Amino acid sequence: MFRESHAFSGFSSNDIPACLDFYGRKLGLDVTQANGMLTLRLRDGGRVLIYPKPDHVPAPYTVLNFPVEDIDRAVDQLTALGIELERYPGIPQDARGIVRPERPEQGPPIAWFKDPAGNILAVVQG
């Protein structure tokens, strides 16, 4: 039924102007604004809608993953922009905040950070 649909994902924010600046200027994504909402236009045609919600509560999980070839370089770039990486108790992270699994079946290296609305994002090597 939806095979030909151009589906997209979305999540809320309580600060659309701050998210416009964060995703557009800091992260360098193609962002458009219309009707009080943002649309992130991702590589290969993907889209993400960020919509305003005054009673927004950030999801307790990752809402958007950014695959990168070199996680160390990506983390350096995020840190240079003043973006802090998230630390999670019980999850083994290195001094920089990167999870580096010992075996491939445990997943790829990953690090998390938040947008201005507290939504969790990740850089994932691979």
PDB file of N, CA and C in Angstrom:
ATOM      1  N   MET A   1       0.802  -1.202   0.000  1.00  0.00           N
ATOM      2  CA  MET A   1       0.000   0.000   0.000  1.00  0.00           C
ATOM      3  C   MET A   1       0.849   1.272   0.000  1.00  0.00           C
ATOM      4  N   PHE A   2       1.959   1.296   0.758  1.00  0.00           N
ATOM      5  CA  PHE A   2       2.778   2.503   0.849  1.00  0.00           C
ATOM      6  C   PHE A   2       4.122   2.356   0.149  1.00  0.00           C
ATOM      7  N   ARG A   3       4.283   1.366  -0.662  1.00  0.00           N
ATOM      8  CA  ARG A   3       5.566   1.097  -1.320  1.00  0.00           C
ATOM      9  C   ARG A   3       6.083   2.304  -2.101  1.00  0.00           C
ATOM     10  N   GLU A   4       5.215   3.035  -2.729  1.00  0.00           N
ATOM     11  CA  GLU A   4       5.619   4.182  -3.546  1.00  0.00           C
ATOM     12  C   GLU A   4       5.568   5.509  -2.788  1.00  0.00           C
ATOM     13  N   SER A   5       5.161   5.474  -1.532  1.00  0.00           N
ATOM     14  CA  SER A   5       5.065   6.685  -0.726  1.00  0.00           C
ATOM     15  C   SER A   5       6.457   7.191  -0.351  1.00  0.00           C
ATOM     16  N   HIS A   6       6.623   8.491  -0.338  1.00  0.00           N
ATOM     17  CA  HIS A   6       7.873   9.108   0.107  1.00  0.00           C
ATOM     18  C   HIS A   6       7.732   9.429   1.593  1.00  0.00           C
ATOM     19  N   ALA A   7       7.794   8.401   2.406  1.00  0.00           N
ATOM     20  CA  ALA A   7       7.611   8.554   3.847  1.00  0.00           C
ATOM     21  C   ALA A   7       8.730   9.395   4.453  1.00  0.00           C
ATOM     22  N   PHE A   8       8.433  10.006   5.569  1.00  0.00           N
ATOM     23  CA  PHE A   8       9.430  10.775   6.293  1.00  0.00           C
ATOM     24  C   PHE A   8       9.159  10.647   7.781  1.00  0.00           C
ATOM     25  N   SER A   9      10.161  10.928   8.549  1.00  0.00           N
ATOM     26  CA  SER A   9      10.061  10.860   9.996  1.00  0.00           C
ATOM     27  C   SER A   9       9.921  12.268  10.557  1.00  0.00           C
ATOM     28  N   GLY A  10       9.553  12.353  11.813  1.00  0.00           N
ATOM     29  CA  GLY A  10       9.443  13.652  12.447  1.00  0.00           C
ATOM     30  C   GLY A  10       9.561  13.548  13.949  1.00  0.00           C
ATOM     31  N   PHE A  11       9.877  14.672  14.555  1.00  0.00           N
ATOM     32  CA  PHE A  11       9.897  14.764  16.008  1.00  0.00           C
ATOM     33  C   PHE A  11       9.662  16.213  16.392  1.00  0.00           C
ATOM     34  N   SER A  12       9.348  16.437  17.658  1.00  0.00           N
ATOM     35  CA  SER A  12       8.957  17.771  18.096  1.00  0.00           C
ATOM     36  C   SER A  12      10.111  18.556  18.706  1.00  0.00           C
ATOM     37  N   SER A  13       9.852  19.849  18.856  1.00  0.00           N
ATOM     38  CA  SER A  13      10.789  20.777  19.485  1.00  0.00           C
ATOM     39  C   SER A  13       9.982  21.860  20.179  1.00  0.00           C
ATOM     40  N   ASN A  14      10.528  22.380  21.258  1.00  0.00           N
ATOM     41  CA  ASN A  14       9.904  23.525  21.921  1.00  0.00           C
ATOM     42  C   ASN A  14      10.619  24.831  21.565  1.00  0.00           C
ATOM     43  N   ASP A  15      11.580  24.754  20.621  1.00  0.00           N
ATOM     44  CA  ASP A  15      12.327  25.944  20.223  1.00  0.00           C
ATOM     45  C   ASP A  15      12.752  25.826  18.750  1.00  0.00           C
ATOM     46  N   ILE A  16      11.820  26.112  17.858  1.00  0.00           N
ATOM     47  CA  ILE A  16      12.078  25.998  16.423  1.00  0.00           C
ATOM     48  C   ILE A  16      13.215  26.924  15.969  1.00  0.00           C
ATOM     49  N   PRO A  17      13.271  28.204  16.400  1.00  0.00           N
ATOM     50  CA  PRO A  17      14.386  29.056  15.968  1.00  0.00           C
ATOM     51  C   PRO A  17      15.761  28.502  16.371  1.00  0.00           C
ATOM     52  N   ALA A  18      15.871  27.974  17.593  1.00  0.00           N
ATOM     53  CA  ALA A  18      17.149  27.402  18.033  1.00  0.00           C
ATOM     54  C   ALA A  18      17.491  26.162  17.219  1.00  0.00           C
ATOM     55  N   CYS A  19      16.495  25.360  16.881  1.00  0.00           N
ATOM     56  CA  CYS A  19      16.739  24.163  16.067  1.00  0.00           C
ATOM     57  C   CYS A  19      17.119  24.542  14.641  1.00  0.00           C
ATOM     58  N   LEU A  20      16.523  25.602  14.108  1.00  0.00           N
ATOM     59  CA  LEU A  20      16.896  26.083  12.776  1.00  0.00           C
ATOM     60  C   LEU A  20      18.383  26.433  12.753  1.00  0.00           C
ATOM     61  N   ASP A  21      18.830  27.170  13.756  1.00  0.00           N
ATOM     62  CA  ASP A  21      20.234  27.547  13.857  1.00  0.00           C
ATOM     63  C   ASP A  21      21.122  26.314  14.052  1.00  0.00           C
ATOM     64  N   PHE A  22      20.727  25.421  14.936  1.00  0.00           N
ATOM     65  CA  PHE A  22      21.517  24.232  15.253  1.00  0.00           C
ATOM     66  C   PHE A  22      21.690  23.321  14.039  1.00  0.00           C
ATOM     67  N   TYR A  23      20.582  22.943  13.423  1.00  0.00           N
ATOM     68  CA  TYR A  23      20.659  22.005  12.304  1.00  0.00           C
ATOM     69  C   TYR A  23      21.217  22.663  11.039  1.00  0.00           C
ATOM     70  N   GLY A  24      20.866  23.922  10.816  1.00  0.00           N
ATOM     71  CA  GLY A  24      21.319  24.603   9.613  1.00  0.00           C
ATOM     72  C   GLY A  24      22.732  25.142   9.708  1.00  0.00           C
ATOM     73  N   ARG A  25      22.982  25.962  10.717  1.00  0.00           N
ATOM     74  CA  ARG A  25      24.296  26.606  10.819  1.00  0.00           C
ATOM     75  C   ARG A  25      25.338  25.684  11.441  1.00  0.00           C
ATOM     76  N   LYS A  26      25.028  25.110  12.605  1.00  0.00           N
ATOM     77  CA  LYS A  26      26.031  24.293  13.289  1.00  0.00           C
ATOM     78  C   LYS A  26      26.303  22.979  12.569  1.00  0.00           C
ATOM     79  N   LEU A  27      25.250  22.232  12.262  1.00  0.00           N
ATOM     80  CA  LEU A  27      25.459  20.918  11.641  1.00  0.00           C
ATOM     81  C   LEU A  27      25.580  20.991  10.124  1.00  0.00           C
ATOM     82  N   GLY A  28      25.204  22.126   9.531  1.00  0.00           N
ATOM     83  CA  GLY A  28      25.372  22.319   8.095  1.00  0.00           C
ATOM     84  C   GLY A  28      24.393  21.547   7.228  1.00  0.00           C
ATOM     85  N   LEU A  29      23.226  21.224   7.772  1.00  0.00           N
ATOM     86  CA  LEU A  29      22.221  20.502   6.998  1.00  0.00           C
ATOM     87  C   LEU A  29      21.385  21.464   6.163  1.00  0.00           C
ATOM     88  N   ASP A  30      20.770  20.956   5.133  1.00  0.00           N
ATOM     89  CA  ASP A  30      19.831  21.717   4.309  1.00  0.00           C
ATOM     90  C   ASP A  30      18.511  21.762   5.066  1.00  0.00           C
ATOM     91  N   VAL A  31      18.154  22.947   5.554  1.00  0.00           N
ATOM     92  CA  VAL A  31      16.950  23.109   6.378  1.00  0.00           C
ATOM     93  C   VAL A  31      16.046  24.153   5.746  1.00  0.00           C
ATOM     94  N   THR A  32      14.775  23.818   5.612  1.00  0.00           N
ATOM     95  CA  THR A  32      13.789  24.800   5.163  1.00  0.00           C
ATOM     96  C   THR A  32      12.769  24.993   6.266  1.00  0.00           C
ATOM     97  N   GLN A  33      12.150  26.165   6.258  1.00  0.00           N
ATOM     98  CA  GLN A  33      11.154  26.491   7.267  1.00  0.00           C
ATOM     99  C   GLN A  33       9.876  26.915   6.563  1.00  0.00           C
ATOM    100  N   ALA A  34       8.758  26.322   6.976  1.00  0.00           N
ATOM    101  CA  ALA A  34       7.454  26.685   6.428  1.00  0.00           C
ATOM    102  C   ALA A  34       6.388  26.331   7.452  1.00  0.00           C
ATOM    103  N   ASN A  35       5.408  27.200   7.572  1.00  0.00           N
ATOM    104  CA  ASN A  35       4.281  26.969   8.481  1.00  0.00           C
ATOM    105  C   ASN A  35       4.718  26.697   9.917  1.00  0.00           C
ATOM    106  N   GLY A  36       5.798  27.331  10.336  1.00  0.00           N
ATOM    107  CA  GLY A  36       6.280  27.180  11.706  1.00  0.00           C
ATOM    108  C   GLY A  36       7.036  25.889  11.965  1.00  0.00           C
ATOM    109  N   MET A  37       7.278  25.104  10.915  1.00  0.00           N
ATOM    110  CA  MET A  37       7.971  23.825  11.051  1.00  0.00           C
ATOM    111  C   MET A  37       9.254  23.839  10.225  1.00  0.00           C
ATOM    112  N   LEU A  38      10.160  22.932  10.584  1.00  0.00           N
ATOM    113  CA  LEU A  38      11.409  22.777   9.842  1.00  0.00           C
ATOM    114  C   LEU A  38      11.387  21.455   9.090  1.00  0.00           C
ATOM    115  N   THR A  39      12.020  21.441   7.928  1.00  0.00           N
ATOM    116  CA  THR A  39      12.240  20.199   7.204  1.00  0.00           C
ATOM    117  C   THR A  39      13.735  20.065   6.963  1.00  0.00           C
ATOM    118  N   LEU A  40      14.303  18.971   7.470  1.00  0.00           N
ATOM    119  CA  LEU A  40      15.695  18.647   7.197  1.00  0.00           C
ATOM    120  C   LEU A  40      15.710  17.812   5.936  1.00  0.00           C
ATOM    121  N   ARG A  41      16.465  18.246   4.953  1.00  0.00           N
ATOM    122  CA  ARG A  41      16.599  17.481   3.710  1.00  0.00           C
ATOM    123  C   ARG A  41      17.940  16.770   3.775  1.00  0.00           C
ATOM    124  N   LEU A  42      17.859  15.459   3.890  1.00  0.00           N
ATOM    125  CA  LEU A  42      19.049  14.648   4.083  1.00  0.00           C
ATOM    126  C   LEU A  42      19.569  14.102   2.762  1.00  0.00           C
ATOM    127  N   ARG A  43      20.782  13.671   2.783  1.00  0.00           N
ATOM    128  CA  ARG A  43      21.403  13.075   1.600  1.00  0.00           C
ATOM    129  C   ARG A  43      20.553  11.901   1.115  1.00  0.00           C
ATOM    130  N   ASP A  44      20.545  11.665  -0.152  1.00  0.00           N
ATOM    131  CA  ASP A  44      19.787  10.572  -0.782  1.00  0.00           C
ATOM    132  C   ASP A  44      18.276  10.768  -0.696  1.00  0.00           C
ATOM    133  N   GLY A  45      17.824  11.995  -0.438  1.00  0.00           N
ATOM    134  CA  GLY A  45      16.406  12.295  -0.510  1.00  0.00           C
ATOM    135  C   GLY A  45      15.598  12.143   0.762  1.00  0.00           C
ATOM    136  N   GLY A  46      16.214  11.711   1.839  1.00  0.00           N
ATOM    137  CA  GLY A  46      15.475  11.574   3.095  1.00  0.00           C
ATOM    138  C   GLY A  46      15.050  12.926   3.651  1.00  0.00           C
ATOM    139  N   ARG A  47      13.950  12.920   4.385  1.00  0.00           N
ATOM    140  CA  ARG A  47      13.468  14.152   5.022  1.00  0.00           C
ATOM    141  C   ARG A  47      13.064  13.863   6.462  1.00  0.00           C
ATOM    142  N   VAL A  48      13.227  14.870   7.306  1.00  0.00           N
ATOM    143  CA  VAL A  48      12.777  14.808   8.693  1.00  0.00           C
ATOM    144  C   VAL A  48      12.043  16.105   8.990  1.00  0.00           C
ATOM    145  N   LEU A  49      10.850  15.983   9.543  1.00  0.00           N
ATOM    146  CA  LEU A  49      10.050  17.137   9.925  1.00  0.00           C
ATOM    147  C   LEU A  49      10.264  17.417  11.409  1.00  0.00           C
ATOM    148  N   ILE A  50      10.552  18.665  11.742  1.00  0.00           N
ATOM    149  CA  ILE A  50      10.631  19.092  13.146  1.00  0.00           C
ATOM    150  C   ILE A  50       9.500  20.079  13.353  1.00  0.00           C
ATOM    151  N   TYR A  51       8.579  19.719  14.222  1.00  0.00           N
ATOM    152  CA  TYR A  51       7.374  20.507  14.413  1.00  0.00           C
ATOM    153  C   TYR A  51       7.322  21.084  15.828  1.00  0.00           C
ATOM    154  N   PRO A  52       6.700  22.254  15.981  1.00  0.00           N
ATOM    155  CA  PRO A  52       6.638  22.878  17.300  1.00  0.00           C
ATOM    156  C   PRO A  52       5.624  22.175  18.203  1.00  0.00           C
ATOM    157  N   LYS A  53       6.000  22.060  19.463  1.00  0.00           N
ATOM    158  CA  LYS A  53       5.103  21.481  20.463  1.00  0.00           C
ATOM    159  C   LYS A  53       5.421  22.162  21.787  1.00  0.00           C
ATOM    160  N   PRO A  54       4.556  23.038  22.248  1.00  0.00           N
ATOM    161  CA  PRO A  54       4.846  23.788  23.475  1.00  0.00           C
ATOM    162  C   PRO A  54       5.110  22.899  24.693  1.00  0.00           C
ATOM    163  N   ASP A  55       4.430  21.755  24.789  1.00  0.00           N
ATOM    164  CA  ASP A  55       4.648  20.854  25.926  1.00  0.00           C
ATOM    165  C   ASP A  55       5.595  19.707  25.555  1.00  0.00           C
ATOM    166  N   HIS A  56       6.515  19.994  24.647  1.00  0.00           N
ATOM    167  CA  HIS A  56       7.496  19.021  24.155  1.00  0.00           C
ATOM    168  C   HIS A  56       8.233  18.336  25.296  1.00  0.00           C
ATOM    169  N   VAL A  57       8.362  17.036  25.172  1.00  0.00           N
ATOM    170  CA  VAL A  57       9.208  16.239  26.059  1.00  0.00           C
ATOM    171  C   VAL A  57      10.123  15.426  25.153  1.00  0.00           C
ATOM    172  N   PRO A  58      11.441  15.585  25.286  1.00  0.00           N
ATOM    173  CA  PRO A  58      12.351  14.839  24.414  1.00  0.00           C
ATOM    174  C   PRO A  58      12.163  13.330  24.587  1.00  0.00           C
ATOM    175  N   ALA A  59      12.267  12.618  23.488  1.00  0.00           N
ATOM    176  CA  ALA A  59      12.195  11.158  23.546  1.00  0.00           C
ATOM    177  C   ALA A  59      13.419  10.634  24.296  1.00  0.00           C
ATOM    178  N   PRO A  60      13.265   9.538  25.036  1.00  0.00           N
ATOM    179  CA  PRO A  60      14.408   8.978  25.782  1.00  0.00           C
ATOM    180  C   PRO A  60      15.277   8.059  24.923  1.00  0.00           C
ATOM    181  N   TYR A  61      15.177   8.193  23.611  1.00  0.00           N
ATOM    182  CA  TYR A  61      15.930   7.358  22.687  1.00  0.00           C
ATOM    183  C   TYR A  61      16.441   8.227  21.538  1.00  0.00           C
ATOM    184  N   THR A  62      17.313   7.671  20.717  1.00  0.00           N
ATOM    185  CA  THR A  62      17.896   8.393  19.589  1.00  0.00           C
ATOM    186  C   THR A  62      16.848   8.608  18.507  1.00  0.00           C
ATOM    187  N   VAL A  63      16.646   9.870  18.105  1.00  0.00           N
ATOM    188  CA  VAL A  63      15.660  10.175  17.067  1.00  0.00           C
ATOM    189  C   VAL A  63      16.281  10.319  15.684  1.00  0.00           C
ATOM    190  N   LEU A  64      17.598  10.531  15.623  1.00  0.00           N
ATOM    191  CA  LEU A  64      18.246  10.730  14.331  1.00  0.00           C
ATOM    192  C   LEU A  64      19.708  10.296  14.428  1.00  0.00           C
ATOM    193  N   ASN A  65      20.134   9.447  13.497  1.00  0.00           N
ATOM    194  CA  ASN A  65      21.514   8.954  13.438  1.00  0.00           C
ATOM    195  C   ASN A  65      22.210   9.520  12.205  1.00  0.00           C
ATOM    196  N   PHE A  66      23.450   9.942  12.387  1.00  0.00           N
ATOM    197  CA  PHE A  66      24.261  10.432  11.283  1.00  0.00           C
ATOM    198  C   PHE A  66      25.417   9.456  11.052  1.00  0.00           C
ATOM    199  N   PRO A  67      25.362   8.654   9.984  1.00  0.00           N
ATOM    200  CA  PRO A  67      26.492   7.778   9.675  1.00  0.00           C
ATOM    201  C   PRO A  67      27.698   8.622   9.252  1.00  0.00           C
ATOM    202  N   VAL A  68      28.866   8.261   9.767  1.00  0.00           N
ATOM    203  CA  VAL A  68      30.102   8.961   9.435  1.00  0.00           C
ATOM    204  C   VAL A  68      31.195   7.940   9.146  1.00  0.00           C
ATOM    205  N   GLU A  69      32.155   8.328   8.325  1.00  0.00           N
ATOM    206  CA  GLU A  69      33.276   7.437   8.025  1.00  0.00           C
ATOM    207  C   GLU A  69      34.274   7.379   9.170  1.00  0.00           C
ATOM    208  N   ASP A  70      34.444   8.517   9.865  1.00  0.00           N
ATOM    209  CA  ASP A  70      35.461   8.613  10.912  1.00  0.00           C
ATOM    210  C   ASP A  70      34.821   9.254  12.145  1.00  0.00           C
ATOM    211  N   ILE A  71      34.465   8.427  13.115  1.00  0.00           N
ATOM    212  CA  ILE A  71      33.768   8.947  14.292  1.00  0.00           C
ATOM    213  C   ILE A  71      34.649   9.893  15.105  1.00  0.00           C
ATOM    214  N   ASP A  72      35.949   9.640  15.143  1.00  0.00           N
ATOM    215  CA  ASP A  72      36.840  10.538  15.892  1.00  0.00           C
ATOM    216  C   ASP A  72      36.834  11.940  15.299  1.00  0.00           C
ATOM    217  N   ARG A  73      36.872  12.020  13.984  1.00  0.00           N
ATOM    218  CA  ARG A  73      36.833  13.331  13.318  1.00  0.00           C
ATOM    219  C   ARG A  73      35.484  14.005  13.554  1.00  0.00           C
ATOM    220  N   ALA A  74      34.393  13.241  13.473  1.00  0.00           N
ATOM    221  CA  ALA A  74      33.063  13.806  13.707  1.00  0.00           C
ATOM    222  C   ALA A  74      32.936  14.336  15.131  1.00  0.00           C
ATOM    223  N   VAL A  75      33.426  13.590  16.092  1.00  0.00           N
ATOM    224  CA  VAL A  75      33.381  14.026  17.489  1.00  0.00           C
ATOM    225  C   VAL A  75      34.231  15.278  17.680  1.00  0.00           C
ATOM    226  N   ASP A  76      35.395  15.338  17.049  1.00  0.00           N
ATOM    227  CA  ASP A  76      36.230  16.543  17.119  1.00  0.00           C
ATOM    228  C   ASP A  76      35.478  17.752  16.572  1.00  0.00           C
ATOM    229  N   GLN A  77      34.783  17.563  15.453  1.00  0.00           N
ATOM    230  CA  GLN A  77      34.036  18.668  14.841  1.00  0.00           C
ATOM    231  C   GLN A  77      32.879  19.109  15.741  1.00  0.00           C
ATOM    232  N   LEU A  78      32.164  18.163  16.318  1.00  0.00           N
ATOM    233  CA  LEU A  78      31.068  18.517  17.228  1.00  0.00           C
ATOM    234  C   LEU A  78      31.597  19.276  18.435  1.00  0.00           C
ATOM    235  N   THR A  79      32.680  18.788  19.016  1.00  0.00           N
ATOM    236  CA  THR A  79      33.279  19.433  20.183  1.00  0.00           C
ATOM    237  C   THR A  79      33.744  20.848  19.848  1.00  0.00           C
ATOM    238  N   ALA A  80      34.329  21.023  18.663  1.00  0.00           N
ATOM    239  CA  ALA A  80      34.783  22.353  18.233  1.00  0.00           C
ATOM    240  C   ALA A  80      33.620  23.330  18.095  1.00  0.00           C
ATOM    241  N   LEU A  81      32.433  22.807  17.819  1.00  0.00           N
ATOM    242  CA  LEU A  81      31.232  23.639  17.714  1.00  0.00           C
ATOM    243  C   LEU A  81      30.606  23.921  19.080  1.00  0.00           C
ATOM    244  N   GLY A  82      31.199  23.378  20.144  1.00  0.00           N
ATOM    245  CA  GLY A  82      30.663  23.575  21.490  1.00  0.00           C
ATOM    246  C   GLY A  82      29.552  22.598  21.837  1.00  0.00           C
ATOM    247  N   ILE A  83      29.415  21.539  21.064  1.00  0.00           N
ATOM    248  CA  ILE A  83      28.382  20.535  21.322  1.00  0.00           C
ATOM    249  C   ILE A  83      28.978  19.473  22.244  1.00  0.00           C
ATOM    250  N   GLU A  84      28.307  19.247  23.367  1.00  0.00           N
ATOM    251  CA  GLU A  84      28.779  18.263  24.340  1.00  0.00           C
ATOM    252  C   GLU A  84      28.203  16.895  24.028  1.00  0.00           C
ATOM    253  N   LEU A  85      29.031  15.875  24.185  1.00  0.00           N
ATOM    254  CA  LEU A  85      28.566  14.509  24.002  1.00  0.00           C
ATOM    255  C   LEU A  85      27.877  14.033  25.276  1.00  0.00           C
ATOM    256  N   GLU A  86      26.908  13.188  25.098  1.00  0.00           N
ATOM    257  CA  GLU A  86      26.157  12.640  26.227  1.00  0.00           C
ATOM    258  C   GLU A  86      26.933  11.495  26.865  1.00  0.00           C
ATOM    259  N   ARG A  87      26.801  11.362  28.155  1.00  0.00           N
ATOM    260  CA  ARG A  87      27.407  10.265  28.923  1.00  0.00           C
ATOM    261  C   ARG A  87      26.271   9.499  29.581  1.00  0.00           C
ATOM    262  N   TYR A  88      26.329   8.188  29.465  1.00  0.00           N
ATOM    263  CA  TYR A  88      25.273   7.347  30.018  1.00  0.00           C
ATOM    264  C   TYR A  88      25.872   6.348  31.008  1.00  0.00           C
ATOM    265  N   PRO A  89      25.400   6.379  32.258  1.00  0.00           N
ATOM    266  CA  PRO A  89      25.899   5.425  33.257  1.00  0.00           C
ATOM    267  C   PRO A  89      25.637   3.989  32.798  1.00  0.00           C
ATOM    268  N   GLY A  90      26.615   3.144  33.011  1.00  0.00           N
ATOM    269  CA  GLY A  90      26.473   1.737  32.662  1.00  0.00           C
ATOM    270  C   GLY A  90      26.818   1.413  31.224  1.00  0.00           C
ATOM    271  N   ILE A  91      27.046   2.434  30.405  1.00  0.00           N
ATOM    272  CA  ILE A  91      27.454   2.206  29.013  1.00  0.00           C
ATOM    273  C   ILE A  91      28.936   2.557  28.921  1.00  0.00           C
ATOM    274  N   PRO A  92      29.770   1.596  28.534  1.00  0.00           N
ATOM    275  CA  PRO A  92      31.211   1.881  28.468  1.00  0.00           C
ATOM    276  C   PRO A  92      31.549   2.837  27.326  1.00  0.00           C
ATOM    277  N   GLN A  93      31.927   4.060  27.710  1.00  0.00           N
ATOM    278  CA  GLN A  93      32.325   5.084  26.749  1.00  0.00           C
ATOM    279  C   GLN A  93      33.760   5.484  27.043  1.00  0.00           C
ATOM    280  N   ASP A  94      34.500   5.845  25.997  1.00  0.00           N
ATOM    281  CA  ASP A  94      35.874   6.286  26.225  1.00  0.00           C
ATOM    282  C   ASP A  94      35.872   7.704  26.779  1.00  0.00           C
ATOM    283  N   ALA A  95      37.046   8.263  26.990  1.00  0.00           N
ATOM    284  CA  ALA A  95      37.173   9.594  27.592  1.00  0.00           C
ATOM    285  C   ALA A  95      36.475  10.672  26.779  1.00  0.00           C
ATOM    286  N   ARG A  96      36.286  10.423  25.480  1.00  0.00           N
ATOM    287  CA  ARG A  96      35.645  11.414  24.605  1.00  0.00           C
ATOM    288  C   ARG A  96      34.139  11.224  24.517  1.00  0.00           C
ATOM    289  N   GLY A  97      33.630  10.103  25.053  1.00  0.00           N
ATOM    290  CA  GLY A  97      32.202   9.837  25.000  1.00  0.00           C
ATOM    291  C   GLY A  97      31.794   8.863  23.908  1.00  0.00           C
ATOM    292  N   ILE A  98      32.758   8.231  23.277  1.00  0.00           N
ATOM    293  CA  ILE A  98      32.484   7.299  22.188  1.00  0.00           C
ATOM    294  C   ILE A  98      32.393   5.876  22.739  1.00  0.00           C
ATOM    295  N   VAL A  99      31.357   5.160  22.330  1.00  0.00           N
ATOM    296  CA  VAL A  99      31.256   3.735  22.629  1.00  0.00           C
ATOM    297  C   VAL A  99      32.030   3.013  21.531  1.00  0.00           C
ATOM    298  N   ARG A 100      32.974   2.178  21.960  1.00  0.00           N
ATOM    299  CA  ARG A 100      33.802   1.429  21.008  1.00  0.00           C
ATOM    300  C   ARG A 100      33.660  -0.059  21.330  1.00  0.00           C
ATOM    301  N   PRO A 101      32.673  -0.709  20.725  1.00  0.00           N
ATOM    302  CA  PRO A 101      32.451  -2.128  21.018  1.00  0.00           C
ATOM    303  C   PRO A 101      33.695  -2.974  20.742  1.00  0.00           C
ATOM    304  N   GLU A 102      33.867  -4.001  21.566  1.00  0.00           N
ATOM    305  CA  GLU A 102      35.025  -4.882  21.422  1.00  0.00           C
ATOM    306  C   GLU A 102      34.892  -5.821  20.227  1.00  0.00           C
ATOM    307  N   ARG A 103      33.658  -6.188  19.884  1.00  0.00           N
ATOM    308  CA  ARG A 103      33.427  -7.118  18.785  1.00  0.00           C
ATOM    309  C   ARG A 103      32.423  -6.520  17.807  1.00  0.00           C
ATOM    310  N   PRO A 104      32.584  -6.780  16.503  1.00  0.00           N
ATOM    311  CA  PRO A 104      31.690  -6.219  15.479  1.00  0.00           C
ATOM    312  C   PRO A 104      30.210  -6.520  15.714  1.00  0.00           C
ATOM    313  N   GLU A 105      29.896  -7.700  16.236  1.00  0.00           N
ATOM    314  CA  GLU A 105      28.490  -8.047  16.460  1.00  0.00           C
ATOM    315  C   GLU A 105      27.840  -7.214  17.571  1.00  0.00           C
ATOM    316  N   GLN A 106      28.643  -6.458  18.303  1.00  0.00           N
ATOM    317  CA  GLN A 106      28.107  -5.570  19.341  1.00  0.00           C
ATOM    318  C   GLN A 106      27.706  -4.213  18.770  1.00  0.00           C
ATOM    319  N   GLY A 107      27.921  -4.015  17.477  1.00  0.00           N
ATOM    320  CA  GLY A 107      27.543  -2.770  16.831  1.00  0.00           C
ATOM    321  C   GLY A 107      28.740  -1.900  16.512  1.00  0.00           C
ATOM    322  N   PRO A 108      28.489  -0.812  15.801  1.00  0.00           N
ATOM    323  CA  PRO A 108      29.571   0.097  15.403  1.00  0.00           C
ATOM    324  C   PRO A 108      29.879   1.112  16.505  1.00  0.00           C
ATOM    325  N   PRO A 109      31.026   1.788  16.404  1.00  0.00           N
ATOM    326  CA  PRO A 109      31.297   2.896  17.317  1.00  0.00           C
ATOM    327  C   PRO A 109      30.195   3.956  17.175  1.00  0.00           C
ATOM    328  N   ILE A 110      29.794   4.528  18.318  1.00  0.00           N
ATOM    329  CA  ILE A 110      28.698   5.491  18.335  1.00  0.00           C
ATOM    330  C   ILE A 110      28.915   6.510  19.442  1.00  0.00           C
ATOM    331  N   ALA A 111      28.423   7.723  19.248  1.00  0.00           N
ATOM    332  CA  ALA A 111      28.448   8.776  20.264  1.00  0.00           C
ATOM    333  C   ALA A 111      27.159   9.576  20.135  1.00  0.00           C
ATOM    334  N   TRP A 112      26.619  10.021  21.271  1.00  0.00           N
ATOM    335  CA  TRP A 112      25.344  10.724  21.286  1.00  0.00           C
ATOM    336  C   TRP A 112      25.517  12.175  21.700  1.00  0.00           C
ATOM    337  N   PHE A 113      24.630  13.016  21.183  1.00  0.00           N
ATOM    338  CA  PHE A 113      24.562  14.428  21.562  1.00  0.00           C
ATOM    339  C   PHE A 113      23.114  14.873  21.427  1.00  0.00           C
ATOM    340  N   LYS A 114      22.803  16.072  21.913  1.00  0.00           N
ATOM    341  CA  LYS A 114      21.419  16.548  21.898  1.00  0.00           C
ATOM    342  C   LYS A 114      21.276  17.828  21.095  1.00  0.00           C
ATOM    343  N   ASP A 115      20.072  18.020  20.547  1.00  0.00           N
ATOM    344  CA  ASP A 115      19.751  19.289  19.892  1.00  0.00           C
ATOM    345  C   ASP A 115      19.243  20.258  20.958  1.00  0.00           C
ATOM    346  N   PRO A 116      18.934  21.512  20.602  1.00  0.00           N
ATOM    347  CA  PRO A 116      18.499  22.486  21.604  1.00  0.00           C
ATOM    348  C   PRO A 116      17.214  22.111  22.350  1.00  0.00           C
ATOM    349  N   ALA A 117      16.401  21.226  21.771  1.00  0.00           N
ATOM    350  CA  ALA A 117      15.165  20.798  22.426  1.00  0.00           C
ATOM    351  C   ALA A 117      15.366  19.536  23.259  1.00  0.00           C
ATOM    352  N   GLY A 118      16.609  19.059  23.339  1.00  0.00           N
ATOM    353  CA  GLY A 118      16.904  17.874  24.129  1.00  0.00           C
ATOM    354  C   GLY A 118      16.708  16.562  23.399  1.00  0.00           C
ATOM    355  N   ASN A 119      16.425  16.620  22.096  1.00  0.00           N
ATOM    356  CA  ASN A 119      16.291  15.398  21.306  1.00  0.00           C
ATOM    357  C   ASN A 119      17.659  14.751  21.136  1.00  0.00           C
ATOM    358  N   ILE A 120      17.723  13.433  21.266  1.00  0.00           N
ATOM    359  CA  ILE A 120      18.983  12.704  21.203  1.00  0.00           C
ATOM    360  C   ILE A 120      19.325  12.355  19.760  1.00  0.00           C
ATOM    361  N   LEU A 121      20.545  12.723  19.383  1.00  0.00           N
ATOM    362  CA  LEU A 121      21.083  12.446  18.051  1.00  0.00           C
ATOM    363  C   LEU A 121      22.340  11.618  18.224  1.00  0.00           C
ATOM    364  N   ALA A 122      22.796  10.972  17.160  1.00  0.00           N
ATOM    365  CA  ALA A 122      24.011  10.171  17.265  1.00  0.00           C
ATOM    366  C   ALA A 122      24.842  10.268  16.000  1.00  0.00           C
ATOM    367  N   VAL A 123      26.144  10.125  16.186  1.00  0.00           N
ATOM    368  CA  VAL A 123      27.045   9.878  15.068  1.00  0.00           C
ATOM    369  C   VAL A 123      27.449   8.414  15.196  1.00  0.00           C
ATOM    370  N   VAL A 124      27.373   7.701  14.067  1.00  0.00           N
ATOM    371  CA  VAL A 124      27.624   6.272  14.037  1.00  0.00           C
ATOM    372  C   VAL A 124      28.646   5.986  12.949  1.00  0.00           C
ATOM    373  N   GLN A 125      29.737   5.331  13.311  1.00  0.00           N
ATOM    374  CA  GLN A 125      30.733   5.014  12.297  1.00  0.00           C
ATOM    375  C   GLN A 125      30.262   3.840  11.445  1.00  0.00           C
ATOM    376  N   GLY A 126      30.366   4.047  10.143  1.00  0.00           N
ATOM    377  CA  GLY A 126      29.992   2.943   9.268  1.00  0.00           C
ATOM    378  C   GLY A 126      29.386   3.376   7.972  1.00  0.00           C
TER     379      GLY A 126
END
